[in-house]
PDB file of N, CA and C in Angstrom:
ATOM      1  N   UNK A   1       0.834  -1.194   0.000  1.00  0.00           N
ATOM      2  CA  UNK A   1       0.000   0.000   0.000  1.00  0.00           C
ATOM      3  C   UNK A   1       0.878   1.256   0.000  1.00  0.00           C
ATOM      4  N   UNK A   2       2.037   1.150   0.661  1.00  0.00           N
ATOM      5  CA  UNK A   2       2.962   2.283   0.711  1.00  0.00           C
ATOM      6  C   UNK A   2       3.507   2.639  -0.663  1.00  0.00           C
ATOM      7  N   UNK A   3       3.456   1.692  -1.601  1.00  0.00           N
ATOM      8  CA  UNK A   3       3.969   1.916  -2.951  1.00  0.00           C
ATOM      9  C   UNK A   3       2.881   2.324  -3.931  1.00  0.00           C
ATOM     10  N   UNK A   4       1.720   2.720  -3.408  1.00  0.00           N
ATOM     11  CA  UNK A   4       0.662   3.240  -4.261  1.00  0.00           C
ATOM     12  C   UNK A   4      -0.349   2.218  -4.740  1.00  0.00           C
ATOM     13  N   UNK A   5      -0.351   1.027  -4.164  1.00  0.00           N
ATOM     14  CA  UNK A   5      -1.329   0.009  -4.530  1.00  0.00           C
ATOM     15  C   UNK A   5      -2.594   0.177  -3.701  1.00  0.00           C
ATOM     16  N   UNK A   6      -3.727  -0.123  -4.331  1.00  0.00           N
ATOM     17  CA  UNK A   6      -5.022  -0.069  -3.651  1.00  0.00           C
ATOM     18  C   UNK A   6      -5.659  -1.460  -3.734  1.00  0.00           C
ATOM     19  N   UNK A   7      -6.122  -1.974  -2.609  1.00  0.00           N
ATOM     20  CA  UNK A   7      -6.747  -3.290  -2.582  1.00  0.00           C
ATOM     21  C   UNK A   7      -8.106  -3.237  -3.268  1.00  0.00           C
ATOM     22  N   UNK A   8      -8.309  -4.119  -4.241  1.00  0.00           N
ATOM     23  CA  UNK A   8      -9.592  -4.261  -4.919  1.00  0.00           C
ATOM     24  C   UNK A   8     -10.337  -5.455  -4.332  1.00  0.00           C
ATOM     25  N   UNK A   9      -9.619  -6.576  -4.200  1.00  0.00           N
ATOM     26  CA  UNK A   9     -10.251  -7.776  -3.640  1.00  0.00           C
ATOM     27  C   UNK A   9      -9.166  -8.718  -3.133  1.00  0.00           C
ATOM     28  N   UNK A  10      -9.514  -9.423  -2.053  1.00  0.00           N
ATOM     29  CA  UNK A  10      -8.608 -10.409  -1.457  1.00  0.00           C
ATOM     30  C   UNK A  10      -9.308 -11.757  -1.477  1.00  0.00           C
ATOM     31  N   UNK A  11      -8.564 -12.785  -1.851  1.00  0.00           N
ATOM     32  CA  UNK A  11      -9.080 -14.166  -1.852  1.00  0.00           C
ATOM     33  C   UNK A  11     -10.349 -14.324  -2.685  1.00  0.00           C
ATOM     34  N   UNK A  12     -10.307 -13.838  -3.928  1.00  0.00           N
ATOM     35  CA  UNK A  12     -11.431 -14.036  -4.852  1.00  0.00           C
ATOM     36  C   UNK A  12     -11.497 -15.521  -5.204  1.00  0.00           C
ATOM     37  N   UNK A  13     -12.644 -16.127  -4.982  1.00  0.00           N
ATOM     38  CA  UNK A  13     -12.819 -17.564  -5.218  1.00  0.00           C
ATOM     39  C   UNK A  13     -13.863 -17.836  -6.295  1.00  0.00           C
ATOM     40  N   UNK A  14     -13.559 -18.853  -7.072  1.00  0.00           N
ATOM     41  CA  UNK A  14     -14.542 -19.423  -7.984  1.00  0.00           C
ATOM     42  C   UNK A  14     -14.326 -20.928  -7.950  1.00  0.00           C
ATOM     43  N   UNK A  15     -15.121 -21.650  -8.698  1.00  0.00           N
ATOM     44  CA  UNK A  15     -14.958 -23.112  -8.690  1.00  0.00           C
ATOM     45  C   UNK A  15     -13.646 -23.532  -9.339  1.00  0.00           C
ATOM     46  N   UNK A  16     -12.967 -22.612 -10.007  1.00  0.00           N
ATOM     47  CA  UNK A  16     -11.710 -22.910 -10.684  1.00  0.00           C
ATOM     48  C   UNK A  16     -10.492 -22.678  -9.797  1.00  0.00           C
ATOM     49  N   UNK A  17     -10.676 -22.009  -8.655  1.00  0.00           N
ATOM     50  CA  UNK A  17      -9.547 -21.730  -7.781  1.00  0.00           C
ATOM     51  C   UNK A  17      -9.692 -20.401  -7.070  1.00  0.00           C
ATOM     52  N   UNK A  18      -8.555 -19.819  -6.699  1.00  0.00           N
ATOM     53  CA  UNK A  18      -8.563 -18.593  -5.917  1.00  0.00           C
ATOM     54  C   UNK A  18      -7.464 -17.638  -6.380  1.00  0.00           C
ATOM     55  N   UNK A  19      -7.818 -16.362  -6.450  1.00  0.00           N
ATOM     56  CA  UNK A  19      -6.836 -15.298  -6.662  1.00  0.00           C
ATOM     57  C   UNK A  19      -6.495 -14.729  -5.292  1.00  0.00           C
ATOM     58  N   UNK A  20      -5.215 -14.671  -4.964  1.00  0.00           N
ATOM     59  CA  UNK A  20      -4.826 -14.189  -3.643  1.00  0.00           C
ATOM     60  C   UNK A  20      -5.155 -12.711  -3.461  1.00  0.00           C
ATOM     61  N   UNK A  21      -4.683 -11.880  -4.379  1.00  0.00           N
ATOM     62  CA  UNK A  21      -4.920 -10.433  -4.284  1.00  0.00           C
ATOM     63  C   UNK A  21      -5.224  -9.858  -5.656  1.00  0.00           C
ATOM     64  N   UNK A  22      -6.137  -8.914  -5.682  1.00  0.00           N
ATOM     65  CA  UNK A  22      -6.372  -8.092  -6.868  1.00  0.00           C
ATOM     66  C   UNK A  22      -6.173  -6.662  -6.392  1.00  0.00           C
ATOM     67  N   UNK A  23      -5.214  -5.977  -7.007  1.00  0.00           N
ATOM     68  CA  UNK A  23      -4.855  -4.620  -6.607  1.00  0.00           C
ATOM     69  C   UNK A  23      -4.976  -3.681  -7.793  1.00  0.00           C
ATOM     70  N   UNK A  24      -5.045  -2.409  -7.486  1.00  0.00           N
ATOM     71  CA  UNK A  24      -5.006  -1.370  -8.520  1.00  0.00           C
ATOM     72  C   UNK A  24      -3.759  -0.535  -8.272  1.00  0.00           C
ATOM     73  N   UNK A  25      -3.005  -0.315  -9.336  1.00  0.00           N
ATOM     74  CA  UNK A  25      -1.827   0.551  -9.281  1.00  0.00           C
ATOM     75  C   UNK A  25      -1.952   1.520 -10.445  1.00  0.00           C
ATOM     76  N   UNK A  26      -2.382   2.740 -10.137  1.00  0.00           N
ATOM     77  CA  UNK A  26      -2.719   3.732 -11.169  1.00  0.00           C
ATOM     78  C   UNK A  26      -3.849   3.148 -12.024  1.00  0.00           C
ATOM     79  N   UNK A  27      -3.660   3.033 -13.333  1.00  0.00           N
ATOM     80  CA  UNK A  27      -4.698   2.501 -14.225  1.00  0.00           C
ATOM     81  C   UNK A  27      -4.491   1.025 -14.544  1.00  0.00           C
ATOM     82  N   UNK A  28      -3.649   0.355 -13.759  1.00  0.00           N
ATOM     83  CA  UNK A  28      -3.344  -1.061 -13.990  1.00  0.00           C
ATOM     84  C   UNK A  28      -4.004  -1.917 -12.923  1.00  0.00           C
ATOM     85  N   UNK A  29      -4.660  -2.969 -13.365  1.00  0.00           N
ATOM     86  CA  UNK A  29      -5.219  -3.953 -12.453  1.00  0.00           C
ATOM     87  C   UNK A  29      -4.165  -5.046 -12.299  1.00  0.00           C
ATOM     88  N   UNK A  30      -3.778  -5.326 -11.052  1.00  0.00           N
ATOM     89  CA  UNK A  30      -2.682  -6.250 -10.779  1.00  0.00           C
ATOM     90  C   UNK A  30      -3.222  -7.477 -10.043  1.00  0.00           C
ATOM     91  N   UNK A  31      -3.038  -8.643 -10.656  1.00  0.00           N
ATOM     92  CA  UNK A  31      -3.400  -9.907 -10.029  1.00  0.00           C
ATOM     93  C   UNK A  31      -2.130 -10.460  -9.395  1.00  0.00           C
ATOM     94  N   UNK A  32      -2.181 -10.714  -8.089  1.00  0.00           N
ATOM     95  CA  UNK A  32      -0.978 -11.109  -7.352  1.00  0.00           C
ATOM     96  C   UNK A  32      -1.145 -12.504  -6.766  1.00  0.00           C
ATOM     97  N   UNK A  33      -0.202 -13.373  -7.080  1.00  0.00           N
ATOM     98  CA  UNK A  33      -0.122 -14.700  -6.470  1.00  0.00           C
ATOM     99  C   UNK A  33       0.918 -14.635  -5.362  1.00  0.00           C
ATOM    100  N   UNK A  34       0.536 -15.037  -4.160  1.00  0.00           N
ATOM    101  CA  UNK A  34       1.427 -14.994  -3.004  1.00  0.00           C
ATOM    102  C   UNK A  34       1.756 -16.431  -2.606  1.00  0.00           C
ATOM    103  N   UNK A  35       3.052 -16.717  -2.494  1.00  0.00           N
ATOM    104  CA  UNK A  35       3.509 -18.045  -2.078  1.00  0.00           C
ATOM    105  C   UNK A  35       4.390 -17.891  -0.848  1.00  0.00           C
ATOM    106  N   UNK A  36       4.083 -18.674   0.196  1.00  0.00           N
ATOM    107  CA  UNK A  36       4.837 -18.638   1.440  1.00  0.00           C
ATOM    108  C   UNK A  36       5.435 -20.018   1.692  1.00  0.00           C
ATOM    109  N   UNK A  37       6.696 -20.033   2.080  1.00  0.00           N
ATOM    110  CA  UNK A  37       7.372 -21.274   2.451  1.00  0.00           C
ATOM    111  C   UNK A  37       8.111 -21.039   3.758  1.00  0.00           C
ATOM    112  N   UNK A  38       8.170 -22.068   4.572  1.00  0.00           N
ATOM    113  CA  UNK A  38       8.888 -21.982   5.850  1.00  0.00           C
ATOM    114  C   UNK A  38      10.299 -22.538   5.735  1.00  0.00           C
ATOM    115  N   UNK A  39      10.688 -22.891   4.559  1.00  0.00           N
ATOM    116  CA  UNK A  39      12.033 -23.390   4.289  1.00  0.00           C
ATOM    117  C   UNK A  39      12.142 -23.676   2.807  1.00  0.00           C
ATOM    118  N   UNK A  40      13.316 -24.112   2.379  1.00  0.00           N
ATOM    119  CA  UNK A  40      13.531 -24.352   0.950  1.00  0.00           C
ATOM    120  C   UNK A  40      13.534 -25.846   0.612  1.00  0.00           C
ATOM    121  N   UNK A  41      13.017 -26.668   1.514  1.00  0.00           N
ATOM    122  CA  UNK A  41      12.955 -28.103   1.262  1.00  0.00           C
ATOM    123  C   UNK A  41      12.173 -28.448   0.001  1.00  0.00           C
ATOM    124  N   UNK A  42      11.185 -27.653  -0.321  1.00  0.00           N
ATOM    125  CA  UNK A  42      10.400 -27.841  -1.543  1.00  0.00           C
ATOM    126  C   UNK A  42      10.724 -26.777  -2.586  1.00  0.00           C
ATOM    127  N   UNK A  43      11.856 -26.104  -2.419  1.00  0.00           N
ATOM    128  CA  UNK A  43      12.263 -25.066  -3.353  1.00  0.00           C
ATOM    129  C   UNK A  43      11.853 -23.688  -2.855  1.00  0.00           C
ATOM    130  N   UNK A  44      12.268 -22.682  -3.597  1.00  0.00           N
ATOM    131  CA  UNK A  44      11.928 -21.297  -3.266  1.00  0.00           C
ATOM    132  C   UNK A  44      10.444 -21.080  -3.547  1.00  0.00           C
ATOM    133  N   UNK A  45       9.801 -20.206  -2.797  1.00  0.00           N
ATOM    134  CA  UNK A  45       8.365 -19.966  -3.024  1.00  0.00           C
ATOM    135  C   UNK A  45       8.026 -19.609  -4.469  1.00  0.00           C
ATOM    136  N   UNK A  46       8.885 -18.872  -5.145  1.00  0.00           N
ATOM    137  CA  UNK A  46       8.597 -18.469  -6.521  1.00  0.00           C
ATOM    138  C   UNK A  46       8.566 -19.661  -7.474  1.00  0.00           C
ATOM    139  N   UNK A  47       9.292 -20.739  -7.113  1.00  0.00           N
ATOM    140  CA  UNK A  47       9.314 -21.935  -7.958  1.00  0.00           C
ATOM    141  C   UNK A  47       7.944 -22.613  -8.035  1.00  0.00           C
ATOM    142  N   UNK A  48       7.076 -22.334  -7.079  1.00  0.00           N
ATOM    143  CA  UNK A  48       5.757 -22.969  -7.032  1.00  0.00           C
ATOM    144  C   UNK A  48       4.789 -22.396  -8.063  1.00  0.00           C
ATOM    145  N   UNK A  49       5.142 -21.278  -8.676  1.00  0.00           N
ATOM    146  CA  UNK A  49       4.262 -20.674  -9.686  1.00  0.00           C
ATOM    147  C   UNK A  49       4.687 -21.211 -11.054  1.00  0.00           C
ATOM    148  N   UNK A  50       4.249 -22.413 -11.311  1.00  0.00           N
ATOM    149  CA  UNK A  50       4.589 -23.142 -12.531  1.00  0.00           C
ATOM    150  C   UNK A  50       3.762 -22.635 -13.713  1.00  0.00           C
ATOM    151  N   UNK A  51       4.111 -23.031 -14.929  1.00  0.00           N
ATOM    152  CA  UNK A  51       3.276 -22.658 -16.083  1.00  0.00           C
ATOM    153  C   UNK A  51       1.818 -23.104 -15.917  1.00  0.00           C
ATOM    154  N   UNK A  52       1.599 -24.253 -15.309  1.00  0.00           N
ATOM    155  CA  UNK A  52       0.224 -24.712 -15.082  1.00  0.00           C
ATOM    156  C   UNK A  52      -0.506 -23.771 -14.119  1.00  0.00           C
ATOM    157  N   UNK A  53       0.163 -23.379 -13.031  1.00  0.00           N
ATOM    158  CA  UNK A  53      -0.440 -22.450 -12.066  1.00  0.00           C
ATOM    159  C   UNK A  53      -0.708 -21.099 -12.730  1.00  0.00           C
ATOM    160  N   UNK A  54       0.199 -20.654 -13.586  1.00  0.00           N
ATOM    161  CA  UNK A  54       0.009 -19.396 -14.308  1.00  0.00           C
ATOM    162  C   UNK A  54      -1.247 -19.458 -15.176  1.00  0.00           C
ATOM    163  N   UNK A  55      -1.463 -20.582 -15.834  1.00  0.00           N
ATOM    164  CA  UNK A  55      -2.660 -20.737 -16.681  1.00  0.00           C
ATOM    165  C   UNK A  55      -3.927 -20.669 -15.837  1.00  0.00           C
ATOM    166  N   UNK A  56      -3.907 -21.278 -14.655  1.00  0.00           N
ATOM    167  CA  UNK A  56      -5.061 -21.224 -13.753  1.00  0.00           C
ATOM    168  C   UNK A  56      -5.328 -19.781 -13.326  1.00  0.00           C
ATOM    169  N   UNK A  57      -4.272 -19.060 -12.995  1.00  0.00           N
ATOM    170  CA  UNK A  57      -4.412 -17.666 -12.561  1.00  0.00           C
ATOM    171  C   UNK A  57      -4.978 -16.810 -13.694  1.00  0.00           C
ATOM    172  N   UNK A  58      -4.526 -17.048 -14.905  1.00  0.00           N
ATOM    173  CA  UNK A  58      -5.053 -16.295 -16.060  1.00  0.00           C
ATOM    174  C   UNK A  58      -6.554 -16.548 -16.239  1.00  0.00           C
ATOM    175  N   UNK A  59      -6.955 -17.814 -16.132  1.00  0.00           N
ATOM    176  CA  UNK A  59      -8.387 -18.145 -16.272  1.00  0.00           C
ATOM    177  C   UNK A  59      -9.209 -17.498 -15.161  1.00  0.00           C
ATOM    178  N   UNK A  60      -8.680 -17.519 -13.950  1.00  0.00           N
ATOM    179  CA  UNK A  60      -9.375 -16.870 -12.836  1.00  0.00           C
ATOM    180  C   UNK A  60      -9.480 -15.366 -13.069  1.00  0.00           C
ATOM    181  N   UNK A  61      -8.430 -14.765 -13.591  1.00  0.00           N
ATOM    182  CA  UNK A  61      -8.444 -13.330 -13.872  1.00  0.00           C
ATOM    183  C   UNK A  61      -9.510 -13.003 -14.926  1.00  0.00           C
ATOM    184  N   UNK A  62      -9.604 -13.835 -15.965  1.00  0.00           N
ATOM    185  CA  UNK A  62     -10.638 -13.622 -16.991  1.00  0.00           C
ATOM    186  C   UNK A  62     -12.027 -13.697 -16.373  1.00  0.00           C
ATOM    187  N   UNK A  63     -12.230 -14.650 -15.488  1.00  0.00           N
ATOM    188  CA  UNK A  63     -13.527 -14.800 -14.817  1.00  0.00           C
ATOM    189  C   UNK A  63     -13.819 -13.587 -13.938  1.00  0.00           C
ATOM    190  N   UNK A  64     -12.803 -13.132 -13.199  1.00  0.00           N
ATOM    191  CA  UNK A  64     -12.946 -11.953 -12.339  1.00  0.00           C
ATOM    192  C   UNK A  64     -13.333 -10.734 -13.180  1.00  0.00           C
ATOM    193  N   UNK A  65     -12.646 -10.526 -14.296  1.00  0.00           N
ATOM    194  CA  UNK A  65     -12.922  -9.373 -15.155  1.00  0.00           C
ATOM    195  C   UNK A  65     -14.341  -9.439 -15.723  1.00  0.00           C
ATOM    196  N   UNK A  66     -14.779 -10.632 -16.124  1.00  0.00           N
ATOM    197  CA  UNK A  66     -16.130 -10.777 -16.675  1.00  0.00           C
ATOM    198  C   UNK A  66     -17.191 -10.538 -15.604  1.00  0.00           C
ATOM    199  N   UNK A  67     -16.924 -10.988 -14.406  1.00  0.00           N
ATOM    200  CA  UNK A  67     -17.908 -10.871 -13.324  1.00  0.00           C
ATOM    201  C   UNK A  67     -17.961  -9.474 -12.731  1.00  0.00           C
ATOM    202  N   UNK A  68     -16.812  -8.883 -12.463  1.00  0.00           N
ATOM    203  CA  UNK A  68     -16.749  -7.607 -11.737  1.00  0.00           C
ATOM    204  C   UNK A  68     -16.737  -6.388 -12.650  1.00  0.00           C
ATOM    205  N   UNK A  69     -16.313  -6.553 -13.901  1.00  0.00           N
ATOM    206  CA  UNK A  69     -16.228  -5.465 -14.877  1.00  0.00           C
ATOM    207  C   UNK A  69     -15.546  -4.218 -14.315  1.00  0.00           C
ATOM    208  N   UNK A  70     -14.334  -4.364 -13.775  1.00  0.00           N
ATOM    209  CA  UNK A  70     -13.636  -3.199 -13.210  1.00  0.00           C
ATOM    210  C   UNK A  70     -13.131  -2.267 -14.310  1.00  0.00           C
ATOM    211  N   UNK A  71     -12.919  -1.018 -13.950  1.00  0.00           N
ATOM    212  CA  UNK A  71     -12.383  -0.012 -14.863  1.00  0.00           C
ATOM    213  C   UNK A  71     -10.856  -0.064 -14.781  1.00  0.00           C
ATOM    214  N   UNK A  72     -10.189  -0.310 -15.915  1.00  0.00           N
ATOM    215  CA  UNK A  72      -8.730  -0.385 -15.939  1.00  0.00           C
ATOM    216  C   UNK A  72      -8.248  -0.182 -17.372  1.00  0.00           C
ATOM    217  N   UNK A  73      -6.957   0.147 -17.498  1.00  0.00           N
ATOM    218  CA  UNK A  73      -6.350   0.282 -18.823  1.00  0.00           C
ATOM    219  C   UNK A  73      -5.528  -0.954 -19.186  1.00  0.00           C
ATOM    220  N   UNK A  74      -4.777  -1.466 -18.217  1.00  0.00           N
ATOM    221  CA  UNK A  74      -3.937  -2.632 -18.463  1.00  0.00           C
ATOM    222  C   UNK A  74      -4.056  -3.614 -17.307  1.00  0.00           C
ATOM    223  N   UNK A  75      -3.606  -4.839 -17.571  1.00  0.00           N
ATOM    224  CA  UNK A  75      -3.603  -5.903 -16.573  1.00  0.00           C
ATOM    225  C   UNK A  75      -2.168  -6.399 -16.427  1.00  0.00           C
ATOM    226  N   UNK A  76      -1.831  -6.761 -15.202  1.00  0.00           N
ATOM    227  CA  UNK A  76      -0.485  -7.269 -14.924  1.00  0.00           C
ATOM    228  C   UNK A  76      -0.592  -8.425 -13.927  1.00  0.00           C
ATOM    229  N   UNK A  77       0.327  -9.377 -14.032  1.00  0.00           N
ATOM    230  CA  UNK A  77       0.379 -10.507 -13.115  1.00  0.00           C
ATOM    231  C   UNK A  77       1.698 -10.451 -12.350  1.00  0.00           C
ATOM    232  N   UNK A  78       1.612 -10.304 -11.026  1.00  0.00           N
ATOM    233  CA  UNK A  78       2.782 -10.256 -10.153  1.00  0.00           C
ATOM    234  C   UNK A  78       2.817 -11.503  -9.286  1.00  0.00           C
ATOM    235  N   UNK A  79       4.011 -11.820  -8.796  1.00  0.00           N
ATOM    236  CA  UNK A  79       4.176 -12.909  -7.846  1.00  0.00           C
ATOM    237  C   UNK A  79       4.962 -12.378  -6.654  1.00  0.00           C
ATOM    238  N   UNK A  80       4.510 -12.740  -5.455  1.00  0.00           N
ATOM    239  CA  UNK A  80       5.221 -12.401  -4.227  1.00  0.00           C
ATOM    240  C   UNK A  80       5.604 -13.709  -3.549  1.00  0.00           C
ATOM    241  N   UNK A  81       6.904 -13.877  -3.311  1.00  0.00           N
ATOM    242  CA  UNK A  81       7.402 -15.042  -2.593  1.00  0.00           C
ATOM    243  C   UNK A  81       7.835 -14.626  -1.203  1.00  0.00           C
ATOM    244  N   UNK A  82       7.398 -15.366  -0.200  1.00  0.00           N
ATOM    245  CA  UNK A  82       7.774 -15.078   1.184  1.00  0.00           C
ATOM    246  C   UNK A  82       8.437 -16.326   1.742  1.00  0.00           C
ATOM    247  N   UNK A  83       9.687 -16.160   2.179  1.00  0.00           N
ATOM    248  CA  UNK A  83      10.439 -17.255   2.766  1.00  0.00           C
ATOM    249  C   UNK A  83      10.665 -16.933   4.228  1.00  0.00           C
ATOM    250  N   UNK A  84      10.061 -17.738   5.092  1.00  0.00           N
ATOM    251  CA  UNK A  84      10.173 -17.528   6.534  1.00  0.00           C
ATOM    252  C   UNK A  84      11.284 -18.430   7.054  1.00  0.00           C
ATOM    253  N   UNK A  85      12.229 -17.831   7.738  1.00  0.00           N
ATOM    254  CA  UNK A  85      13.336 -18.608   8.290  1.00  0.00           C
ATOM    255  C   UNK A  85      14.028 -17.813   9.371  1.00  0.00           C
ATOM    256  N   UNK A  86      15.220 -18.232   9.682  1.00  0.00           N
ATOM    257  CA  UNK A  86      15.985 -17.511  10.686  1.00  0.00           C
ATOM    258  C   UNK A  86      16.237 -16.089  10.203  1.00  0.00           C
ATOM    259  N   UNK A  87      16.109 -15.147  11.107  1.00  0.00           N
ATOM    260  CA  UNK A  87      16.301 -13.748  10.730  1.00  0.00           C
ATOM    261  C   UNK A  87      15.029 -13.080  10.238  1.00  0.00           C
ATOM    262  N   UNK A  88      13.905 -13.788  10.299  1.00  0.00           N
ATOM    263  CA  UNK A  88      12.640 -13.189   9.888  1.00  0.00           C
ATOM    264  C   UNK A  88      12.297 -13.495   8.450  1.00  0.00           C
ATOM    265  N   UNK A  89      11.130 -13.059   8.014  1.00  0.00           N
ATOM    266  CA  UNK A  89      10.686 -13.349   6.647  1.00  0.00           C
ATOM    267  C   UNK A  89      11.441 -12.517   5.615  1.00  0.00           C
ATOM    268  N   UNK A  90      11.685 -13.152   4.464  1.00  0.00           N
ATOM    269  CA  UNK A  90      12.265 -12.453   3.309  1.00  0.00           C
ATOM    270  C   UNK A  90      11.220 -12.431   2.209  1.00  0.00           C
ATOM    271  N   UNK A  91      10.955 -11.264   1.704  1.00  0.00           N
ATOM    272  CA  UNK A  91       9.908 -11.073   0.709  1.00  0.00           C
ATOM    273  C   UNK A  91      10.542 -10.698  -0.625  1.00  0.00           C
ATOM    274  N   UNK A  92      10.083 -11.351  -1.691  1.00  0.00           N
ATOM    275  CA  UNK A  92      10.526 -11.037  -3.052  1.00  0.00           C
ATOM    276  C   UNK A  92       9.284 -10.739  -3.872  1.00  0.00           C
ATOM    277  N   UNK A  93       9.224  -9.537  -4.454  1.00  0.00           N
ATOM    278  CA  UNK A  93       8.096  -9.121  -5.292  1.00  0.00           C
ATOM    279  C   UNK A  93       8.582  -9.079  -6.738  1.00  0.00           C
ATOM    280  N   UNK A  94       7.928  -9.859  -7.602  1.00  0.00           N
ATOM    281  CA  UNK A  94       8.282  -9.897  -9.021  1.00  0.00           C
ATOM    282  C   UNK A  94       7.136  -9.277  -9.806  1.00  0.00           C
ATOM    283  N   UNK A  95       7.252  -7.998 -10.178  1.00  0.00           N
ATOM    284  CA  UNK A  95       6.208  -7.375 -10.998  1.00  0.00           C
ATOM    285  C   UNK A  95       6.227  -7.949 -12.411  1.00  0.00           C
ATOM    286  N   UNK A  96       5.051  -8.037 -13.023  1.00  0.00           N
ATOM    287  CA  UNK A  96       4.927  -8.517 -14.403  1.00  0.00           C
ATOM    288  C   UNK A  96       5.651  -9.852 -14.569  1.00  0.00           C
ATOM    289  N   UNK A  97       5.382 -10.775 -13.661  1.00  0.00           N
ATOM    290  CA  UNK A  97       6.098 -12.058 -13.618  1.00  0.00           C
ATOM    291  C   UNK A  97       5.776 -12.965 -14.801  1.00  0.00           C
ATOM    292  N   UNK A  98       4.557 -12.840 -15.330  1.00  0.00           N
ATOM    293  CA  UNK A  98       4.176 -13.674 -16.485  1.00  0.00           C
ATOM    294  C   UNK A  98       3.069 -13.013 -17.247  1.00  0.00           C
TER     295      UNK A  98
END
């Protein structure tokens, strides 16, 4: 929020899955996938956003746009990875990830 993002919707659900966050940044609608891991035993959190997961997120975004009809100029897909470990959480934000 400190970087100029405005929350549009959190945890949007449909029978196809869930969008973690839908934000507005100026005239851009941003769909954000958030992945949290407590260690790297299963890889870095960003590794969990596979091409298959990206396709699901795109379909959910299309459904959200058709249902809510928000006003926007462009759409963007971001990923936020949170790795919790010693020294506190480390956050990585990848704008326009896919």
